[in-house]
Amino acid sequence: MESGLSVLNSDEAEVKKAMVAAAKEVICLVDYSKFHHVAFAPFCPLHKIGTLVTDSRILPAEIESLQSRGIQVHAV
């Protein structure tokens, strides 16, 4: 998560960058299996994320780290 969000396809990254730029609030839905993996094309730095929704496998220390950066975390 330190690197922000990324995808494998640069075209998809450009679309997502535009969505982030146009958004009033950035809410991300990320399966925990995607944490700690960096893909080819970054599209959203961590500081732009307002809310992150993930599954219950997220570790308490990771929740605290994200919350300390002002990100609301919902583990469901």
N, C-alpha and C. Protein backbone atom coordinates (compact mmCIF):
# COMPACT_ATOMS: atom_id res chain seq x y z
N MET A 1 0.82 -1.21 0.00
CA MET A 1 0.00 0.00 0.00
C MET A 1 0.85 1.26 0.00
N GLU A 2 2.08 1.17 0.40
CA GLU A 2 2.94 2.36 0.43
C GLU A 2 3.04 3.01 -0.94
N SER A 3 2.97 2.20 -1.98
CA SER A 3 3.11 2.72 -3.35
C SER A 3 1.79 3.23 -3.91
N GLY A 4 0.72 3.07 -3.17
CA GLY A 4 -0.59 3.45 -3.69
C GLY A 4 -1.19 2.32 -4.50
N LEU A 5 -2.12 2.66 -5.36
CA LEU A 5 -2.82 1.66 -6.15
C LEU A 5 -2.24 1.58 -7.55
N SER A 6 -2.20 0.36 -8.09
CA SER A 6 -1.66 0.17 -9.43
C SER A 6 -2.37 -0.99 -10.11
N VAL A 7 -2.25 -1.02 -11.42
CA VAL A 7 -2.82 -2.09 -12.25
C VAL A 7 -1.79 -2.54 -13.26
N LEU A 8 -2.10 -3.62 -13.95
CA LEU A 8 -1.16 -4.17 -14.93
C LEU A 8 -1.18 -3.46 -16.27
N ASN A 9 -2.29 -2.82 -16.59
CA ASN A 9 -2.48 -2.24 -17.92
C ASN A 9 -2.39 -0.72 -17.86
N SER A 10 -1.52 -0.13 -18.68
CA SER A 10 -1.34 1.33 -18.64
C SER A 10 -2.57 2.09 -19.14
N ASP A 11 -3.31 1.52 -20.08
CA ASP A 11 -4.54 2.18 -20.54
C ASP A 11 -5.57 2.23 -19.42
N GLU A 12 -5.70 1.14 -18.69
CA GLU A 12 -6.63 1.09 -17.56
C GLU A 12 -6.19 2.07 -16.48
N ALA A 13 -4.89 2.19 -16.27
CA ALA A 13 -4.38 3.13 -15.28
C ALA A 13 -4.74 4.56 -15.66
N GLU A 14 -4.67 4.91 -16.92
CA GLU A 14 -5.01 6.27 -17.36
C GLU A 14 -6.47 6.58 -17.10
N VAL A 15 -7.34 5.62 -17.35
CA VAL A 15 -8.78 5.81 -17.09
C VAL A 15 -9.00 6.00 -15.59
N LYS A 16 -8.36 5.17 -14.80
CA LYS A 16 -8.53 5.26 -13.35
C LYS A 16 -7.94 6.56 -12.80
N LYS A 17 -6.83 7.02 -13.36
CA LYS A 17 -6.26 8.31 -12.94
C LYS A 17 -7.26 9.43 -13.18
N ALA A 18 -7.92 9.39 -14.34
CA ALA A 18 -8.92 10.42 -14.66
C ALA A 18 -10.09 10.34 -13.69
N MET A 19 -10.50 9.14 -13.32
CA MET A 19 -11.59 8.98 -12.37
C MET A 19 -11.21 9.55 -11.00
N VAL A 20 -9.99 9.28 -10.56
CA VAL A 20 -9.51 9.80 -9.27
C VAL A 20 -9.44 11.32 -9.31
N ALA A 21 -8.95 11.86 -10.41
CA ALA A 21 -8.83 13.31 -10.54
C ALA A 21 -10.20 14.00 -10.52
N ALA A 22 -11.22 13.35 -11.06
CA ALA A 22 -12.55 13.94 -11.14
C ALA A 22 -13.38 13.71 -9.88
N ALA A 23 -12.94 12.79 -9.04
CA ALA A 23 -13.74 12.39 -7.87
C ALA A 23 -13.68 13.41 -6.74
N LYS A 24 -14.80 13.57 -6.06
CA LYS A 24 -14.84 14.36 -4.83
C LYS A 24 -14.30 13.53 -3.67
N GLU A 25 -14.49 12.22 -3.74
CA GLU A 25 -14.02 11.31 -2.71
C GLU A 25 -13.59 10.02 -3.39
N VAL A 26 -12.46 9.47 -2.96
CA VAL A 26 -11.96 8.23 -3.53
C VAL A 26 -12.21 7.11 -2.53
N ILE A 27 -13.04 6.15 -2.95
CA ILE A 27 -13.36 4.98 -2.16
C ILE A 27 -12.85 3.77 -2.94
N CYS A 28 -11.99 2.99 -2.31
CA CYS A 28 -11.38 1.85 -3.01
C CYS A 28 -11.87 0.55 -2.41
N LEU A 29 -12.18 -0.39 -3.27
CA LEU A 29 -12.53 -1.75 -2.86
C LEU A 29 -11.36 -2.63 -3.30
N VAL A 30 -10.63 -3.16 -2.32
CA VAL A 30 -9.42 -3.92 -2.62
C VAL A 30 -9.42 -5.23 -1.84
N ASP A 31 -9.42 -6.34 -2.56
CA ASP A 31 -9.28 -7.65 -1.93
C ASP A 31 -7.92 -7.71 -1.25
N TYR A 32 -7.87 -8.25 -0.04
CA TYR A 32 -6.61 -8.25 0.70
C TYR A 32 -5.48 -8.98 -0.04
N SER A 33 -5.81 -9.93 -0.90
CA SER A 33 -4.77 -10.65 -1.64
C SER A 33 -3.97 -9.72 -2.55
N LYS A 34 -4.49 -8.53 -2.83
CA LYS A 34 -3.80 -7.56 -3.69
C LYS A 34 -2.85 -6.65 -2.90
N PHE A 35 -2.94 -6.67 -1.58
CA PHE A 35 -2.04 -5.87 -0.75
C PHE A 35 -0.61 -6.36 -0.94
N HIS A 36 0.33 -5.47 -0.81
CA HIS A 36 1.77 -5.78 -0.88
C HIS A 36 2.22 -6.25 -2.25
N HIS A 37 1.45 -5.94 -3.29
CA HIS A 37 1.84 -6.23 -4.67
C HIS A 37 1.82 -4.92 -5.44
N VAL A 38 2.86 -4.68 -6.20
CA VAL A 38 2.93 -3.48 -7.02
C VAL A 38 2.85 -3.92 -8.48
N ALA A 39 1.90 -3.36 -9.21
CA ALA A 39 1.75 -3.67 -10.62
C ALA A 39 2.49 -2.64 -11.47
N PHE A 40 2.45 -2.81 -12.76
CA PHE A 40 3.19 -2.00 -13.71
C PHE A 40 2.81 -0.53 -13.73
N ALA A 41 1.51 -0.25 -13.62
CA ALA A 41 1.03 1.11 -13.86
C ALA A 41 0.31 1.69 -12.64
N PRO A 42 0.96 2.60 -11.90
CA PRO A 42 0.30 3.23 -10.75
C PRO A 42 -0.78 4.20 -11.21
N PHE A 43 -1.85 4.32 -10.40
CA PHE A 43 -2.91 5.26 -10.77
C PHE A 43 -3.42 6.10 -9.61
N CYS A 44 -3.11 5.74 -8.37
CA CYS A 44 -3.64 6.52 -7.25
C CYS A 44 -2.68 6.46 -6.06
N PRO A 45 -2.08 7.60 -5.71
CA PRO A 45 -1.22 7.60 -4.52
C PRO A 45 -2.07 7.44 -3.25
N LEU A 46 -1.45 6.93 -2.24
CA LEU A 46 -2.13 6.63 -0.98
C LEU A 46 -2.84 7.84 -0.39
N HIS A 47 -2.24 9.02 -0.50
CA HIS A 47 -2.83 10.20 0.15
C HIS A 47 -4.14 10.65 -0.48
N LYS A 48 -4.50 10.13 -1.65
CA LYS A 48 -5.77 10.51 -2.28
C LYS A 48 -6.93 9.61 -1.88
N ILE A 49 -6.64 8.52 -1.19
CA ILE A 49 -7.68 7.57 -0.80
C ILE A 49 -8.36 8.06 0.47
N GLY A 50 -9.68 8.16 0.43
CA GLY A 50 -10.45 8.57 1.60
C GLY A 50 -10.96 7.39 2.39
N THR A 51 -11.40 6.37 1.67
CA THR A 51 -11.97 5.18 2.30
C THR A 51 -11.47 3.95 1.57
N LEU A 52 -11.11 2.93 2.34
CA LEU A 52 -10.68 1.67 1.76
C LEU A 52 -11.55 0.57 2.34
N VAL A 53 -12.14 -0.23 1.47
CA VAL A 53 -12.95 -1.37 1.87
C VAL A 53 -12.18 -2.62 1.46
N THR A 54 -11.97 -3.53 2.40
CA THR A 54 -11.25 -4.76 2.10
C THR A 54 -11.88 -5.90 2.90
N ASP A 55 -11.29 -7.08 2.77
CA ASP A 55 -11.84 -8.22 3.50
C ASP A 55 -11.18 -8.33 4.88
N SER A 56 -11.65 -9.26 5.67
CA SER A 56 -11.24 -9.36 7.08
C SER A 56 -9.84 -9.92 7.28
N ARG A 57 -9.14 -10.25 6.23
CA ARG A 57 -7.76 -10.76 6.38
C ARG A 57 -6.75 -9.65 6.65
N ILE A 58 -7.16 -8.40 6.54
CA ILE A 58 -6.24 -7.30 6.80
C ILE A 58 -5.80 -7.35 8.26
N LEU A 59 -4.52 -7.10 8.47
CA LEU A 59 -3.97 -7.15 9.82
C LEU A 59 -4.28 -5.86 10.59
N PRO A 60 -4.48 -5.97 11.90
CA PRO A 60 -4.75 -4.78 12.70
C PRO A 60 -3.69 -3.69 12.54
N ALA A 61 -2.42 -4.07 12.43
CA ALA A 61 -1.35 -3.08 12.26
C ALA A 61 -1.50 -2.34 10.94
N GLU A 62 -1.98 -3.02 9.90
CA GLU A 62 -2.18 -2.37 8.61
C GLU A 62 -3.36 -1.40 8.68
N ILE A 63 -4.39 -1.78 9.40
CA ILE A 63 -5.53 -0.88 9.59
C ILE A 63 -5.06 0.39 10.30
N GLU A 64 -4.29 0.22 11.36
CA GLU A 64 -3.79 1.37 12.12
C GLU A 64 -2.91 2.26 11.25
N SER A 65 -2.07 1.66 10.44
CA SER A 65 -1.18 2.43 9.56
C SER A 65 -1.98 3.27 8.58
N LEU A 66 -2.99 2.67 7.98
CA LEU A 66 -3.83 3.40 7.02
C LEU A 66 -4.63 4.49 7.71
N GLN A 67 -5.20 4.16 8.86
CA GLN A 67 -5.98 5.15 9.60
C GLN A 67 -5.12 6.32 10.06
N SER A 68 -3.87 6.07 10.37
CA SER A 68 -2.98 7.16 10.80
C SER A 68 -2.71 8.13 9.66
N ARG A 69 -3.01 7.72 8.43
CA ARG A 69 -2.86 8.57 7.25
C ARG A 69 -4.18 9.21 6.84
N GLY A 70 -5.18 9.04 7.69
CA GLY A 70 -6.47 9.67 7.42
C GLY A 70 -7.40 8.84 6.54
N ILE A 71 -7.08 7.59 6.33
CA ILE A 71 -7.91 6.71 5.49
C ILE A 71 -8.86 5.92 6.40
N GLN A 72 -10.14 6.00 6.07
CA GLN A 72 -11.13 5.17 6.79
C GLN A 72 -11.02 3.76 6.23
N VAL A 73 -10.95 2.77 7.10
CA VAL A 73 -10.81 1.38 6.67
C VAL A 73 -12.02 0.59 7.15
N HIS A 74 -12.60 -0.15 6.23
CA HIS A 74 -13.72 -1.04 6.53
C HIS A 74 -13.34 -2.45 6.13
N ALA A 75 -13.20 -3.33 7.12
CA ALA A 75 -12.89 -4.73 6.85
C ALA A 75 -14.19 -5.52 6.98
N VAL A 76 -14.59 -6.14 5.88
CA VAL A 76 -15.88 -6.86 5.87
C VAL A 76 -15.70 -8.30 5.48
